[in-house]
C-alpha atoms as a PDB file:
ATOM      1  CA  LYS A   1       0.006  -0.005   0.007  1.00  0.00           C
ATOM      2  CA  MET A   2       2.887   2.356   0.739  1.00  0.00           C
ATOM      3  CA  GLY A   3       4.265   1.652  -2.721  1.00  0.00           C
ATOM      4  CA  ILE A   4       0.911   2.574  -4.286  1.00  0.00           C
ATOM      5  CA  LEU A   5       0.712   5.745  -2.213  1.00  0.00           C
ATOM      6  CA  ASN A   6       4.272   6.617  -3.210  1.00  0.00           C
ATOM      7  CA  HIS A   7       3.354   6.279  -6.869  1.00  0.00           C
ATOM      8  CA  ASP A   8       0.063   8.178  -6.496  1.00  0.00           C
ATOM      9  CA  ILE A   9       1.798  11.159  -4.913  1.00  0.00           C
ATOM     10  CA  LYS A  10       4.980  11.281  -6.978  1.00  0.00           C
ATOM     11  CA  SER A  11       3.563  10.519 -10.414  1.00  0.00           C
ATOM     12  CA  PRO A  12       1.288  13.606 -10.700  1.00  0.00           C
ATOM     13  CA  ALA A  13       3.971  15.789  -9.156  1.00  0.00           C
ATOM     14  CA  MET A  14       6.548  14.669 -11.731  1.00  0.00           C
ATOM     15  CA  GLN A  15       4.032  15.314 -14.530  1.00  0.00           C
ATOM     16  CA  LEU A  16       3.649  18.875 -13.242  1.00  0.00           C
ATOM     17  CA  VAL A  17       7.424  19.281 -13.190  1.00  0.00           C
ATOM     18  CA  SER A  18       7.709  17.997 -16.750  1.00  0.00           C
ATOM     19  CA  LYS A  19       4.896  20.158 -18.116  1.00  0.00           C
ATOM     20  CA  GLY A  20       6.126  23.246 -16.317  1.00  0.00           C
ATOM     21  CA  GLN A  21       9.616  22.791 -17.750  1.00  0.00           C
ATOM     22  CA  ALA A  22       8.227  22.199 -21.249  1.00  0.00           C
ATOM     23  CA  LEU A  23       6.117  25.359 -21.088  1.00  0.00           C
ATOM     24  CA  GLN A  24       9.050  27.375 -19.809  1.00  0.00           C
ATOM     25  CA  ASN A  25      11.385  26.012 -22.467  1.00  0.00           C
ATOM     26  CA  HIS A  26       9.155  26.499 -25.521  1.00  0.00           C
ATOM     27  CA  LEU A  27       7.648  29.918 -24.831  1.00  0.00           C
ATOM     28  CA  PRO A  28      10.874  31.812 -25.680  1.00  0.00           C
ATOM     29  CA  GLU A  29      10.632  30.286 -29.143  1.00  0.00           C
ATOM     30  CA  MET A  30       7.028  31.455 -29.390  1.00  0.00           C
ATOM     31  CA  ILE A  31       8.088  34.991 -28.419  1.00  0.00           C
ATOM     32  CA  GLU A  32      10.755  35.067 -31.164  1.00  0.00           C
ATOM     33  CA  ALA A  33       8.229  33.782 -33.677  1.00  0.00           C
ATOM     34  CA  HIS A  34       5.836  36.515 -32.599  1.00  0.00           C
ATOM     35  CA  LYS A  35       8.530  39.146 -33.145  1.00  0.00           C
ATOM     36  CA  LYS A  36       9.006  38.047 -36.727  1.00  0.00           C
ATOM     37  CA  LEU A  37       5.270  37.848 -37.348  1.00  0.00           C
ATOM     38  CA  SER A  38       4.666  41.312 -35.905  1.00  0.00           C
ATOM     39  CA  LEU A  39       7.138  42.794 -38.408  1.00  0.00           C
ATOM     40  CA  MET A  40       5.099  41.314 -41.262  1.00  0.00           C
ATOM     41  CA  ASP A  41       1.679  42.138 -39.852  1.00  0.00           C
ATOM     42  CA  PRO A  42       1.164  45.540 -38.117  1.00  0.00           C
ATOM     43  CA  ALA A  43      -2.064  44.190 -36.620  1.00  0.00           C
ATOM     44  CA  PHE A  44      -0.011  42.543 -33.906  1.00  0.00           C
ATOM     45  CA  LYS A  45       0.513  44.974 -31.067  1.00  0.00           C
ATOM     46  CA  LYS A  46       3.135  45.201 -28.368  1.00  0.00           C
ATOM     47  CA  LYS A  47       0.674  43.964 -25.803  1.00  0.00           C
ATOM     48  CA  ASP A  48       0.578  40.593 -27.572  1.00  0.00           C
ATOM     49  CA  ARG A  49       4.265  40.179 -26.848  1.00  0.00           C
ATOM     50  CA  ARG A  50       3.595  40.948 -23.213  1.00  0.00           C
ATOM     51  CA  VAL A  51       1.038  38.153 -23.170  1.00  0.00           C
ATOM     52  CA  TYR A  52       3.669  35.681 -24.364  1.00  0.00           C
ATOM     53  CA  GLU A  53       6.175  36.974 -21.803  1.00  0.00           C
ATOM     54  CA  ARG A  54       3.575  36.631 -19.084  1.00  0.00           C
ATOM     55  CA  LEU A  55       2.891  33.054 -20.142  1.00  0.00           C
ATOM     56  CA  SER A  56       6.606  32.380 -19.962  1.00  0.00           C
ATOM     57  CA  ALA A  57       6.662  33.708 -16.394  1.00  0.00           C
ATOM     58  CA  ILE A  58       3.666  31.494 -15.554  1.00  0.00           C
ATOM     59  CA  GLY A  59       5.510  28.538 -17.005  1.00  0.00           C
ATOM     60  CA  ALA A  60       8.485  29.256 -14.767  1.00  0.00           C
ATOM     61  CA  GLY A  61       6.238  29.654 -11.752  1.00  0.00           C
ATOM     62  CA  LEU A  62       4.441  26.386 -12.553  1.00  0.00           C
ATOM     63  CA  CYS A  63       7.773  24.626 -12.798  1.00  0.00           C
ATOM     64  CA  ASP A  64       8.871  25.969  -9.401  1.00  0.00           C
ATOM     65  CA  LEU A  65       5.539  25.136  -7.749  1.00  0.00           C
ATOM     66  CA  SER A  66       5.445  21.607  -9.155  1.00  0.00           C
ATOM     67  CA  GLN A  67       9.001  21.001  -7.990  1.00  0.00           C
ATOM     68  CA  ASP A  68       7.959  22.110  -4.508  1.00  0.00           C
ATOM     69  CA  ILE A  69       5.067  19.635  -4.630  1.00  0.00           C
ATOM     70  CA  TYR A  70       7.445  16.881  -5.660  1.00  0.00           C
ATOM     71  CA  ASP A  71       9.925  17.765  -2.909  1.00  0.00           C
ATOM     72  CA  PHE A  72       7.080  17.846  -0.350  1.00  0.00           C
ATOM     73  CA  SER A  73       5.884  14.389  -1.390  1.00  0.00           C
ATOM     74  CA  GLU A  74       9.416  13.039  -1.070  1.00  0.00           C
ATOM     75  CA  THR A  75       9.698  14.483   2.421  1.00  0.00           C
ATOM     76  CA  LEU A  76       6.254  13.203   3.420  1.00  0.00           C
ATOM     77  CA  LEU A  77       6.968   9.678   2.287  1.00  0.00           C
ATOM     78  CA  ARG A  78      10.413   9.642   3.853  1.00  0.00           C
ATOM     79  CA  GLU A  79       9.125  10.790   7.238  1.00  0.00           C
ATOM     80  CA  MET A  80       6.032   8.604   7.329  1.00  0.00           C
ATOM     81  CA  ALA A  81       8.091   5.955   9.114  1.00  0.00           C
ATOM     82  CA  ASP A  82       8.280   8.374  12.086  1.00  0.00           C
ATOM     83  CA  PRO A  83       5.010  10.314  12.410  1.00  0.00           C
ATOM     84  CA  THR A  84       6.147  12.038  15.597  1.00  0.00           C
ATOM     85  CA  GLN A  85       8.777  13.905  13.578  1.00  0.00           C
ATOM     86  CA  LEU A  86       6.393  14.568  10.718  1.00  0.00           C
ATOM     87  CA  PHE A  87       3.842  16.454  12.867  1.00  0.00           C
ATOM     88  CA  SER A  88       6.191  17.885  15.498  1.00  0.00           C
ATOM     89  CA  LYS A  89       6.651  21.387  14.018  1.00  0.00           C
ATOM     90  CA  LYS A  90       3.791  22.983  15.892  1.00  0.00           C
ATOM     91  CA  GLN A  91       2.807  26.597  16.408  1.00  0.00           C
ATOM     92  CA  VAL A  92      -0.174  28.528  17.681  1.00  0.00           C
ATOM     93  CA  VAL A  93      -2.570  29.136  14.804  1.00  0.00           C
ATOM     94  CA  SER A  94      -6.092  30.371  14.270  1.00  0.00           C
ATOM     95  CA  LEU A  95      -8.473  27.660  13.087  1.00  0.00           C
ATOM     96  CA  ARG A  96     -10.378  30.187  11.020  1.00  0.00           C
ATOM     97  CA  GLU A  97      -7.255  31.487   9.254  1.00  0.00           C
ATOM     98  CA  VAL A  98      -6.057  27.977   8.465  1.00  0.00           C
ATOM     99  CA  PHE A  99      -9.546  27.099   7.204  1.00  0.00           C
ATOM    100  CA  GLN A 100      -9.454  30.128   4.900  1.00  0.00           C
ATOM    101  CA  ARG A 101      -6.091  29.027   3.472  1.00  0.00           C
ATOM    102  CA  ALA A 102      -7.393  25.493   3.057  1.00  0.00           C
ATOM    103  CA  CYS A 103     -10.332  26.792   0.999  1.00  0.00           C
ATOM    104  CA  LEU A 104      -8.115  29.030  -1.080  1.00  0.00           C
ATOM    105  CA  TYR A 105      -5.481  26.456  -1.934  1.00  0.00           C
ATOM    106  CA  GLY A 106      -7.327  23.163  -1.619  1.00  0.00           C
ATOM    107  CA  LEU A 107     -10.758  23.789  -3.136  1.00  0.00           C
ATOM    108  CA  THR A 108     -12.069  24.854  -6.513  1.00  0.00           C
ATOM    109  CA  PRO A 109     -14.114  28.088  -6.820  1.00  0.00           C
ATOM    110  CA  GLU A 110     -17.224  25.960  -7.264  1.00  0.00           C
ATOM    111  CA  GLN A 111     -16.449  24.005  -4.102  1.00  0.00           C
ATOM    112  CA  ARG A 112     -15.744  27.183  -2.088  1.00  0.00           C
ATOM    113  CA  GLU A 113     -19.236  28.454  -2.901  1.00  0.00           C
ATOM    114  CA  ARG A 114     -20.705  25.465  -1.074  1.00  0.00           C
ATOM    115  CA  VAL A 115     -18.670  25.848   2.146  1.00  0.00           C
ATOM    116  CA  LYS A 116     -19.684  28.198   4.939  1.00  0.00           C
ATOM    117  CA  TRP A 117     -17.805  29.142   8.088  1.00  0.00           C
ATOM    118  CA  THR A 118     -20.059  29.837  11.115  1.00  0.00           C
ATOM    119  CA  GLY A 119     -17.760  29.358  14.091  1.00  0.00           C
ATOM    120  CA  GLU A 120     -15.699  31.274  16.591  1.00  0.00           C
ATOM    121  CA  THR A 121     -12.057  32.273  16.147  1.00  0.00           C
ATOM    122  CA  LEU A 122     -10.186  29.712  18.214  1.00  0.00           C
ATOM    123  CA  LEU A 123      -6.470  29.084  18.626  1.00  0.00           C
ATOM    124  CA  VAL A 124      -4.830  25.653  18.596  1.00  0.00           C
ATOM    125  CA  HIS A 125      -1.265  24.338  18.856  1.00  0.00           C
ATOM    126  CA  ALA A 126      -0.586  22.300  15.699  1.00  0.00           C
ATOM    127  CA  ASN A 127       1.473  21.957  12.564  1.00  0.00           C
ATOM    128  CA  PRO A 128      -0.271  24.536  10.272  1.00  0.00           C
ATOM    129  CA  LEU A 129       0.606  22.801   6.995  1.00  0.00           C
ATOM    130  CA  PHE A 130      -0.819  19.443   8.000  1.00  0.00           C
ATOM    131  CA  LEU A 131      -3.770  21.091   9.780  1.00  0.00           C
ATOM    132  CA  MET A 132      -4.629  22.737   6.476  1.00  0.00           C
ATOM    133  CA  HIS A 133      -4.330  19.402   4.685  1.00  0.00           C
ATOM    134  CA  ALA A 134      -6.575  17.750   7.271  1.00  0.00           C
ATOM    135  CA  ILE A 135      -9.216  20.441   6.808  1.00  0.00           C
ATOM    136  CA  VAL A 136      -9.060  20.049   3.018  1.00  0.00           C
ATOM    137  CA  ASN A 137      -9.622  16.297   3.400  1.00  0.00           C
ATOM    138  CA  LEU A 138     -12.571  16.745   5.733  1.00  0.00           C
ATOM    139  CA  VAL A 139     -14.246  19.430   3.585  1.00  0.00           C
ATOM    140  CA  ARG A 140     -13.774  17.498   0.339  1.00  0.00           C
ATOM    141  CA  ASN A 141     -15.159  14.404   1.995  1.00  0.00           C
ATOM    142  CA  ALA A 142     -18.180  16.372   3.230  1.00  0.00           C
ATOM    143  CA  LEU A 143     -18.822  17.828  -0.231  1.00  0.00           C
ATOM    144  CA  GLN A 144     -18.547  14.409  -1.802  1.00  0.00           C
ATOM    145  CA  HIS A 145     -21.254  13.032   0.461  1.00  0.00           C
ATOM    146  CA  SER A 146     -23.627  16.021   0.216  1.00  0.00           C
ATOM    147  CA  PRO A 147     -26.439  16.455  -2.319  1.00  0.00           C
ATOM    148  CA  PRO A 148     -25.551  18.837  -5.201  1.00  0.00           C
ATOM    149  CA  GLY A 149     -26.086  22.487  -4.343  1.00  0.00           C
ATOM    150  CA  THR A 150     -26.216  21.974  -0.581  1.00  0.00           C
ATOM    151  CA  ILE A 151     -23.968  23.725   1.935  1.00  0.00           C
ATOM    152  CA  VAL A 152     -21.238  22.187   4.059  1.00  0.00           C
ATOM    153  CA  THR A 153     -20.895  24.017   7.393  1.00  0.00           C
ATOM    154  CA  VAL A 154     -17.572  24.432   9.186  1.00  0.00           C
ATOM    155  CA  PHE A 155     -17.363  25.859  12.678  1.00  0.00           C
ATOM    156  CA  ALA A 156     -15.051  26.081  15.686  1.00  0.00           C
ATOM    157  CA  LYS A 157     -16.192  26.078  19.292  1.00  0.00           C
ATOM    158  CA  ILE A 158     -15.226  24.819  22.724  1.00  0.00           C
ATOM    159  CA  ILE A 159     -16.820  21.383  23.286  1.00  0.00           C
ATOM    160  CA  ASP A 160     -16.281  19.717  26.662  1.00  0.00           C
ATOM    161  CA  GLY A 161     -13.391  22.076  27.299  1.00  0.00           C
ATOM    162  CA  GLU A 162     -11.614  21.228  24.044  1.00  0.00           C
ATOM    163  CA  PRO A 163     -11.074  23.654  21.107  1.00  0.00           C
ATOM    164  CA  THR A 164     -12.905  21.781  18.358  1.00  0.00           C
ATOM    165  CA  LEU A 165     -13.166  22.161  14.593  1.00  0.00           C
ATOM    166  CA  ALA A 166     -16.272  20.591  13.110  1.00  0.00           C
ATOM    167  CA  VAL A 167     -17.293  19.918   9.486  1.00  0.00           C
ATOM    168  CA  ARG A 168     -20.949  19.119   9.010  1.00  0.00           C
ATOM    169  CA  ASN A 169     -22.526  17.759   5.834  1.00  0.00           C
ATOM    170  CA  PRO A 170     -26.245  17.309   5.008  1.00  0.00           C
ATOM    171  CA  GLY A 171     -25.748  13.879   3.418  1.00  0.00           C
ATOM    172  CA  LYS A 172     -27.326  10.503   4.043  1.00  0.00           C
ATOM    173  CA  GLY A 173     -25.473   9.809   7.262  1.00  0.00           C
ATOM    174  CA  ILE A 174     -23.152   6.949   8.253  1.00  0.00           C
ATOM    175  CA  PRO A 175     -24.271   3.574   9.678  1.00  0.00           C
ATOM    176  CA  VAL A 176     -22.836   2.759  13.129  1.00  0.00           C
ATOM    177  CA  LYS A 177     -20.916  -0.265  11.857  1.00  0.00           C
ATOM    178  CA  GLN A 178     -19.067   1.880   9.307  1.00  0.00           C
ATOM    179  CA  GLN A 179     -18.301   4.564  11.890  1.00  0.00           C
ATOM    180  CA  LEU A 180     -16.247   2.054  13.886  1.00  0.00           C
ATOM    181  CA  ASN A 181     -13.740   1.608  11.053  1.00  0.00           C
ATOM    182  CA  LEU A 182     -14.040   4.977   9.348  1.00  0.00           C
ATOM    183  CA  PHE A 183     -10.634   6.345  10.413  1.00  0.00           C
ATOM    184  CA  LYS A 184      -8.571   3.249   9.781  1.00  0.00           C
ATOM    185  CA  PRO A 185      -5.985   3.804   7.010  1.00  0.00           C
ATOM    186  CA  PHE A 186      -7.140   2.628   3.581  1.00  0.00           C
ATOM    187  CA  VAL A 187     -10.598   1.600   4.808  1.00  0.00           C
ATOM    188  CA  THR A 188     -13.267   3.162   2.646  1.00  0.00           C
ATOM    189  CA  TYR A 189     -16.957   2.731   2.003  1.00  0.00           C
ATOM    190  CA  THR A 190     -16.972   5.113  -0.973  1.00  0.00           C
ATOM    191  CA  GLU A 191     -16.763   3.810  -4.495  1.00  0.00           C
ATOM    192  CA  GLY A 192     -13.434   4.859  -5.987  1.00  0.00           C
ATOM    193  CA  GLY A 193     -12.115   6.056  -2.621  1.00  0.00           C
ATOM    194  CA  THR A 194      -8.793   5.060  -1.015  1.00  0.00           C
ATOM    195  CA  GLY A 195      -9.433   5.690   2.669  1.00  0.00           C
ATOM    196  CA  ALA A 196      -6.199   7.671   2.841  1.00  0.00           C
ATOM    197  CA  GLY A 197      -7.862  11.044   3.562  1.00  0.00           C
ATOM    198  CA  LEU A 198      -9.647  10.237   6.828  1.00  0.00           C
ATOM    199  CA  GLY A 199      -6.719   7.993   7.816  1.00  0.00           C
ATOM    200  CA  PHE A 200      -4.415  11.001   7.493  1.00  0.00           C
ATOM    201  CA  VAL A 201      -6.747  13.138   9.609  1.00  0.00           C
ATOM    202  CA  HIS A 202      -6.755  10.483  12.353  1.00  0.00           C
ATOM    203  CA  THR A 203      -2.964  10.220  12.343  1.00  0.00           C
ATOM    204  CA  PHE A 204      -2.561  13.997  12.366  1.00  0.00           C
ATOM    205  CA  MET A 205      -4.940  14.481  15.276  1.00  0.00           C
ATOM    206  CA  THR A 206      -3.408  11.632  17.295  1.00  0.00           C
ATOM    207  CA  GLN A 207       0.114  13.004  16.843  1.00  0.00           C
ATOM    208  CA  SER A 208      -1.174  16.495  17.737  1.00  0.00           C
ATOM    209  CA  GLY A 209      -2.419  15.195  21.080  1.00  0.00           C
ATOM    210  CA  GLY A 210      -6.065  15.390  20.040  1.00  0.00           C
ATOM    211  CA  ARG A 211      -8.708  13.154  18.535  1.00  0.00           C
ATOM    212  CA  VAL A 212     -11.129  12.986  15.622  1.00  0.00           C
ATOM    213  CA  TYR A 213     -14.622  11.501  15.839  1.00  0.00           C
ATOM    214  CA  VAL A 214     -17.863  11.536  13.867  1.00  0.00           C
ATOM    215  CA  VAL A 215     -21.402  12.175  15.037  1.00  0.00           C
ATOM    216  CA  SER A 216     -23.951  10.800  12.619  1.00  0.00           C
ATOM    217  CA  THR A 217     -27.342   9.183  12.302  1.00  0.00           C
ATOM    218  CA  VAL A 218     -28.539   7.648   9.069  1.00  0.00           C
ATOM    219  CA  GLY A 219     -30.730  10.169   7.278  1.00  0.00           C
ATOM    220  CA  THR A 220     -29.444  13.260   9.084  1.00  0.00           C
ATOM    221  CA  GLY A 221     -25.961  13.821   7.646  1.00  0.00           C
ATOM    222  CA  ALA A 222     -22.683  13.651   9.533  1.00  0.00           C
ATOM    223  CA  CYS A 223     -20.472  15.944  11.606  1.00  0.00           C
ATOM    224  CA  PHE A 224     -16.730  15.246  11.752  1.00  0.00           C
ATOM    225  CA  CYS A 225     -15.063  16.812  14.795  1.00  0.00           C
ATOM    226  CA  CYS A 226     -11.370  17.459  15.489  1.00  0.00           C
ATOM    227  CA  ALA A 227     -10.820  18.082  19.215  1.00  0.00           C
ATOM    228  CA  PHE A 228      -7.492  19.671  20.131  1.00  0.00           C
ATOM    229  CA  PRO A 229      -5.793  19.911  23.522  1.00  0.00           C
ATOM    230  CA  LYS A 230      -5.619  23.352  25.097  1.00  0.00           C
ATOM    231  CA  VAL A 231      -2.750  25.492  23.916  1.00  0.00           C
ATOM    232  CA  PRO A 232       0.166  25.211  26.415  1.00  0.00           C
ATOM    233  CA  ALA A 233       0.548  28.370  28.510  1.00  0.00           C
ATOM    234  CA  LYS A 234       4.158  28.852  27.393  1.00  0.00           C
ATOM    235  CA  GLU A 235       3.197  28.661  23.710  1.00  0.00           C
ATOM    236  CA  MET A 236       0.248  31.003  24.229  1.00  0.00           C
ATOM    237  CA  ALA A 237       2.483  33.591  25.922  1.00  0.00           C
ATOM    238  CA  LYS A 238       4.943  33.334  23.046  1.00  0.00           C
ATOM    239  CA  TYR A 239       2.150  33.790  20.511  1.00  0.00           C
ATOM    240  CA  GLU A 240       0.703  36.828  22.335  1.00  0.00           C
ATOM    241  CA  GLU A 241       4.130  38.458  22.466  1.00  0.00           C
ATOM    242  CA  GLU A 242       4.646  37.909  18.746  1.00  0.00           C
ATOM    243  CA  GLN A 243       1.233  39.423  18.000  1.00  0.00           C
ATOM    244  CA  LYS A 244       2.040  42.411  20.202  1.00  0.00           C
ATOM    245  CA  GLN A 245       5.324  42.992  18.339  1.00  0.00           C
ATOM    246  CA  LYS A 246       3.515  42.788  14.969  1.00  0.00           C
ATOM    247  CA  GLU A 247       0.963  45.384  16.128  1.00  0.00           C
ATOM    248  CA  GLU A 248       3.704  47.723  17.344  1.00  0.00           C
ATOM    249  CA  ALA A 249       5.628  47.335  14.079  1.00  0.00           C
ATOM    250  CA  ALA A 250       2.492  48.157  12.098  1.00  0.00           C
END
């Protein structure tokens, strides 16, 4: 299974690297061809050349971004053998701010229109990159199991003394027997699914000192909850001091 996951992550990343490099390499030739054509046809304006140059810059950016994705996948796969190291780079972050980044970078515009934040602004102590990835997984899963056009609700609140992020979908709900195995790696009840998404969320929350659970009744949708431990006093003091310095600098 690890070999399959390795291939699934690295193969698309390498395709992005290849396509980005190809775009970057061939656009200079297109620009030169445009120069020659513009001399023969006055209808071509200078702004057309700027378009080609802009495309070349996009190609370079795509190449850099795809290389970053490839490097990230290499690091992720290498460190999976020791999850405590993988999730150890924690900092105090706002759940709402990380949710906003997750929507911006992990969802399509059409998907973002169907997601609504209704919660408080809570702080947690976690690895922000993997927290964002966990939120993306939960929101995508919620959208996948919701009727077309319906809204997935995301909120943060204190539940039983724990800062909690919840993702609620208005789908069909989950039978109790399935709930028992829902967060096991590579266990899925969705056609075409891999089970890797919820498995990742479970691993992330466990290594963060928290837990993930689902509240669902068949016919009433489902609510996936990520409960975090309280932010350590030392880390909170550090965060507040950093925020104070930022305000003074502004």
